Amino acid sequence: MSAPCRIQLSRRKGWRMPPNTVKVDRTTRWGNPWTIRSYAAAGWQVVSPATVARYCIEAYRAWLLGVRDEGRYNVSKRLQRRASKRVRVARKGAA
């Protein structure tokens, strides 16, 4: 069993993702759904983008690990369903 590797996505004409690869970006189910904009819309005061970015990453990590602190991270029912349908990507490359 080989370790997962990172694949660089490309927009070059003719480029295709290698087989057995999972695309992980904001447009997919694996993308981080927390954004600075969502924190501001929820009524949080955005002091610095770097601080909010840390919160977004922390919330995403907790969500991936299955930690559901709904008061802090505002985990919606849609995200809970999405998390419950996760599949393992440990043996695949991530693009």
N, C-alpha and C. Protein backbone atom coordinates (compact mmCIF):
# COMPACT_ATOMS: atom_id res chain seq x y z
N MET A 1 0.85 -1.18 0.00
CA MET A 1 0.00 0.00 0.00
C MET A 1 0.89 1.24 0.00
N SER A 2 0.67 2.12 -0.96
CA SER A 2 1.48 3.33 -1.04
C SER A 2 0.76 4.48 -0.33
N ALA A 3 1.53 5.45 0.06
CA ALA A 3 0.97 6.61 0.76
C ALA A 3 0.25 7.51 -0.25
N PRO A 4 -0.76 8.24 0.20
CA PRO A 4 -1.44 9.17 -0.70
C PRO A 4 -0.46 10.24 -1.18
N CYS A 5 -0.70 10.75 -2.36
CA CYS A 5 0.16 11.81 -2.88
C CYS A 5 -0.70 12.96 -3.37
N ARG A 6 -0.11 14.13 -3.45
CA ARG A 6 -0.84 15.31 -3.90
C ARG A 6 -0.64 15.46 -5.40
N ILE A 7 -1.74 15.67 -6.09
CA ILE A 7 -1.72 15.88 -7.53
C ILE A 7 -2.07 17.35 -7.78
N GLN A 8 -1.30 18.03 -8.60
CA GLN A 8 -1.58 19.43 -8.93
C GLN A 8 -2.62 19.49 -10.04
N LEU A 9 -3.77 20.12 -9.76
CA LEU A 9 -4.78 20.30 -10.79
C LEU A 9 -4.25 21.25 -11.86
N SER A 10 -4.70 21.04 -13.08
CA SER A 10 -4.25 21.88 -14.18
C SER A 10 -5.42 22.20 -15.10
N ARG A 11 -5.41 23.38 -15.68
CA ARG A 11 -6.43 23.76 -16.66
C ARG A 11 -5.91 23.62 -18.08
N ARG A 12 -4.72 23.08 -18.20
CA ARG A 12 -4.12 22.91 -19.52
C ARG A 12 -5.00 22.06 -20.42
N LYS A 13 -5.05 22.40 -21.68
CA LYS A 13 -5.86 21.65 -22.64
C LYS A 13 -5.38 20.20 -22.69
N GLY A 14 -6.32 19.27 -22.57
CA GLY A 14 -5.99 17.85 -22.65
C GLY A 14 -5.59 17.20 -21.33
N TRP A 15 -5.40 18.00 -20.26
CA TRP A 15 -4.99 17.41 -18.98
C TRP A 15 -6.16 16.67 -18.36
N ARG A 16 -5.88 15.50 -17.84
CA ARG A 16 -6.90 14.71 -17.15
C ARG A 16 -6.34 14.26 -15.80
N MET A 17 -7.26 14.12 -14.85
CA MET A 17 -6.83 13.62 -13.54
C MET A 17 -6.43 12.17 -13.70
N PRO A 18 -5.36 11.76 -13.00
CA PRO A 18 -4.96 10.36 -13.05
C PRO A 18 -6.06 9.47 -12.47
N PRO A 19 -6.09 8.19 -12.88
CA PRO A 19 -7.08 7.28 -12.29
C PRO A 19 -6.85 7.14 -10.78
N ASN A 20 -7.88 6.75 -10.06
CA ASN A 20 -7.81 6.55 -8.62
C ASN A 20 -7.41 7.84 -7.88
N THR A 21 -7.93 8.96 -8.36
CA THR A 21 -7.64 10.26 -7.77
C THR A 21 -8.96 10.94 -7.40
N VAL A 22 -8.97 11.62 -6.27
CA VAL A 22 -10.15 12.34 -5.82
C VAL A 22 -9.84 13.83 -5.85
N LYS A 23 -10.70 14.61 -6.50
CA LYS A 23 -10.53 16.06 -6.55
C LYS A 23 -11.03 16.65 -5.23
N VAL A 24 -10.16 17.41 -4.57
CA VAL A 24 -10.50 18.01 -3.28
C VAL A 24 -10.30 19.52 -3.40
N ASP A 25 -11.38 20.24 -3.68
CA ASP A 25 -11.34 21.69 -3.67
C ASP A 25 -12.69 22.22 -3.24
N ARG A 26 -12.84 23.53 -3.16
CA ARG A 26 -14.06 24.12 -2.61
C ARG A 26 -15.31 23.75 -3.41
N THR A 27 -15.16 23.38 -4.68
CA THR A 27 -16.33 23.05 -5.49
C THR A 27 -16.84 21.64 -5.27
N THR A 28 -16.12 20.81 -4.54
CA THR A 28 -16.52 19.42 -4.33
C THR A 28 -17.03 19.22 -2.91
N ARG A 29 -17.55 18.04 -2.65
CA ARG A 29 -18.03 17.73 -1.30
C ARG A 29 -16.90 17.77 -0.28
N TRP A 30 -15.64 17.70 -0.72
CA TRP A 30 -14.50 17.70 0.20
C TRP A 30 -13.99 19.10 0.48
N GLY A 31 -14.47 20.10 -0.24
CA GLY A 31 -13.99 21.46 -0.06
C GLY A 31 -14.42 22.06 1.27
N ASN A 32 -13.65 23.00 1.76
CA ASN A 32 -13.95 23.66 3.02
C ASN A 32 -15.15 24.58 2.83
N PRO A 33 -16.30 24.28 3.47
CA PRO A 33 -17.49 25.10 3.29
C PRO A 33 -17.48 26.38 4.12
N TRP A 34 -16.55 26.51 5.06
CA TRP A 34 -16.49 27.71 5.89
C TRP A 34 -15.62 28.75 5.21
N THR A 35 -16.15 29.96 5.11
CA THR A 35 -15.43 31.05 4.48
C THR A 35 -15.50 32.28 5.37
N ILE A 36 -14.64 33.23 5.08
CA ILE A 36 -14.67 34.49 5.83
C ILE A 36 -16.03 35.15 5.65
N ARG A 37 -16.56 35.09 4.45
CA ARG A 37 -17.88 35.69 4.16
C ARG A 37 -18.97 35.04 5.02
N SER A 38 -18.91 33.71 5.19
CA SER A 38 -19.95 33.04 5.99
C SER A 38 -19.86 33.43 7.46
N TYR A 39 -18.64 33.65 7.96
CA TYR A 39 -18.50 34.10 9.35
C TYR A 39 -19.07 35.50 9.52
N ALA A 40 -18.81 36.39 8.56
CA ALA A 40 -19.33 37.76 8.64
C ALA A 40 -20.85 37.75 8.55
N ALA A 41 -21.41 36.92 7.67
CA ALA A 41 -22.86 36.84 7.50
C ALA A 41 -23.54 36.28 8.75
N ALA A 42 -22.82 35.45 9.51
CA ALA A 42 -23.39 34.86 10.73
C ALA A 42 -23.34 35.83 11.90
N GLY A 43 -22.79 37.03 11.68
CA GLY A 43 -22.77 38.03 12.73
C GLY A 43 -21.46 38.13 13.48
N TRP A 44 -20.45 37.37 13.07
CA TRP A 44 -19.14 37.47 13.70
C TRP A 44 -18.48 38.76 13.24
N GLN A 45 -17.71 39.35 14.13
CA GLN A 45 -16.96 40.54 13.75
C GLN A 45 -15.63 40.08 13.18
N VAL A 46 -15.38 40.44 11.95
CA VAL A 46 -14.14 40.03 11.29
C VAL A 46 -13.06 41.04 11.66
N VAL A 47 -12.19 40.64 12.60
CA VAL A 47 -11.11 41.52 13.07
C VAL A 47 -9.97 41.50 12.06
N SER A 48 -9.57 40.31 11.68
CA SER A 48 -8.53 40.19 10.66
C SER A 48 -8.82 38.95 9.83
N PRO A 49 -8.60 39.03 8.53
CA PRO A 49 -8.83 37.87 7.67
C PRO A 49 -8.02 36.65 8.09
N ALA A 50 -6.81 36.86 8.61
CA ALA A 50 -5.97 35.73 9.03
C ALA A 50 -6.61 34.98 10.20
N THR A 51 -7.18 35.72 11.16
CA THR A 51 -7.83 35.09 12.31
C THR A 51 -9.05 34.29 11.86
N VAL A 52 -9.86 34.87 11.00
CA VAL A 52 -11.05 34.17 10.52
C VAL A 52 -10.65 32.97 9.68
N ALA A 53 -9.58 33.09 8.90
CA ALA A 53 -9.10 31.95 8.11
C ALA A 53 -8.71 30.80 9.03
N ARG A 54 -8.08 31.11 10.16
CA ARG A 54 -7.73 30.06 11.14
C ARG A 54 -8.99 29.38 11.66
N TYR A 55 -10.03 30.18 11.98
CA TYR A 55 -11.29 29.61 12.45
C TYR A 55 -11.92 28.73 11.38
N CYS A 56 -11.86 29.16 10.14
CA CYS A 56 -12.43 28.37 9.04
C CYS A 56 -11.72 27.03 8.92
N ILE A 57 -10.41 27.04 9.02
CA ILE A 57 -9.63 25.80 8.94
C ILE A 57 -9.92 24.91 10.13
N GLU A 58 -10.01 25.51 11.31
CA GLU A 58 -10.33 24.74 12.53
C GLU A 58 -11.71 24.08 12.42
N ALA A 59 -12.68 24.83 11.92
CA ALA A 59 -14.03 24.29 11.76
C ALA A 59 -14.05 23.16 10.74
N TYR A 60 -13.32 23.33 9.65
CA TYR A 60 -13.25 22.31 8.60
C TYR A 60 -12.60 21.04 9.14
N ARG A 61 -11.51 21.19 9.88
CA ARG A 61 -10.82 20.04 10.46
C ARG A 61 -11.74 19.29 11.42
N ALA A 62 -12.45 20.03 12.27
CA ALA A 62 -13.38 19.40 13.22
C ALA A 62 -14.48 18.66 12.47
N TRP A 63 -14.98 19.27 11.40
CA TRP A 63 -16.04 18.64 10.61
C TRP A 63 -15.54 17.35 9.97
N LEU A 64 -14.32 17.37 9.40
CA LEU A 64 -13.77 16.16 8.79
C LEU A 64 -13.56 15.05 9.80
N LEU A 65 -13.19 15.43 11.02
CA LEU A 65 -12.95 14.43 12.07
C LEU A 65 -14.23 13.99 12.75
N GLY A 66 -15.35 14.61 12.41
CA GLY A 66 -16.63 14.19 12.97
C GLY A 66 -16.99 14.87 14.27
N VAL A 67 -16.24 15.90 14.68
CA VAL A 67 -16.55 16.64 15.90
C VAL A 67 -17.67 17.61 15.56
N ARG A 68 -18.78 17.52 16.28
CA ARG A 68 -19.94 18.37 15.97
C ARG A 68 -20.22 19.31 17.14
N ASP A 69 -19.58 20.42 17.12
CA ASP A 69 -19.86 21.46 18.11
C ASP A 69 -20.71 22.50 17.39
N GLU A 70 -21.99 22.21 17.28
CA GLU A 70 -22.86 23.02 16.42
C GLU A 70 -22.96 24.47 16.85
N GLY A 71 -22.79 24.74 18.13
CA GLY A 71 -22.88 26.12 18.57
C GLY A 71 -21.74 26.97 18.04
N ARG A 72 -20.56 26.39 17.97
CA ARG A 72 -19.40 27.18 17.55
C ARG A 72 -19.25 27.22 16.04
N TYR A 73 -19.45 26.09 15.39
CA TYR A 73 -19.15 26.01 13.96
C TYR A 73 -20.39 26.10 13.08
N ASN A 74 -21.57 26.15 13.67
CA ASN A 74 -22.81 26.27 12.90
C ASN A 74 -22.89 25.21 11.81
N VAL A 75 -22.84 23.96 12.22
CA VAL A 75 -22.90 22.85 11.28
C VAL A 75 -24.35 22.67 10.85
N SER A 76 -24.63 22.92 9.59
CA SER A 76 -26.00 22.82 9.09
C SER A 76 -26.38 21.37 8.83
N LYS A 77 -27.66 21.13 8.69
CA LYS A 77 -28.14 19.77 8.39
C LYS A 77 -27.56 19.29 7.07
N ARG A 78 -27.42 20.21 6.10
CA ARG A 78 -26.86 19.84 4.80
C ARG A 78 -25.42 19.33 4.97
N LEU A 79 -24.63 20.03 5.78
CA LEU A 79 -23.26 19.60 6.00
C LEU A 79 -23.20 18.31 6.79
N GLN A 80 -24.13 18.12 7.73
CA GLN A 80 -24.15 16.87 8.48
C GLN A 80 -24.44 15.70 7.55
N ARG A 81 -25.37 15.88 6.62
CA ARG A 81 -25.66 14.81 5.65
C ARG A 81 -24.44 14.56 4.77
N ARG A 82 -23.79 15.65 4.37
CA ARG A 82 -22.60 15.52 3.52
C ARG A 82 -21.50 14.77 4.25
N ALA A 83 -21.32 15.08 5.53
CA ALA A 83 -20.29 14.42 6.32
C ALA A 83 -20.62 12.95 6.52
N SER A 84 -21.89 12.62 6.67
CA SER A 84 -22.25 11.23 6.91
C SER A 84 -22.07 10.38 5.66
N LYS A 85 -21.99 11.02 4.49
CA LYS A 85 -21.80 10.28 3.24
C LYS A 85 -20.35 10.25 2.78
N ARG A 86 -19.44 10.72 3.63
CA ARG A 86 -18.02 10.74 3.25
C ARG A 86 -17.54 9.34 2.88
N VAL A 87 -16.64 9.28 1.97
CA VAL A 87 -15.99 8.02 1.63
C VAL A 87 -14.52 8.17 1.95
N ARG A 88 -13.87 7.05 2.15
CA ARG A 88 -12.46 7.11 2.48
C ARG A 88 -11.64 7.44 1.23
N VAL A 89 -10.74 8.38 1.35
CA VAL A 89 -9.86 8.72 0.24
C VAL A 89 -8.40 8.46 0.61
N ALA A 90 -8.19 7.74 1.69
CA ALA A 90 -6.84 7.53 2.19
C ALA A 90 -5.93 6.83 1.20
N ARG A 91 -6.48 5.95 0.37
CA ARG A 91 -5.63 5.20 -0.56
C ARG A 91 -5.59 5.83 -1.94
N LYS A 92 -6.16 6.99 -2.08
CA LYS A 92 -6.20 7.65 -3.39
C LYS A 92 -5.35 8.90 -3.35
N GLY A 93 -4.94 9.35 -4.51
CA GLY A 93 -4.25 10.62 -4.60
C GLY A 93 -5.26 11.73 -4.44
N ALA A 94 -4.83 12.87 -3.97
CA ALA A 94 -5.73 14.01 -3.81
C ALA A 94 -5.29 15.13 -4.73
N ALA A 95 -6.20 15.59 -5.56
CA ALA A 95 -5.89 16.67 -6.50
C ALA A 95 -6.57 17.94 -6.04
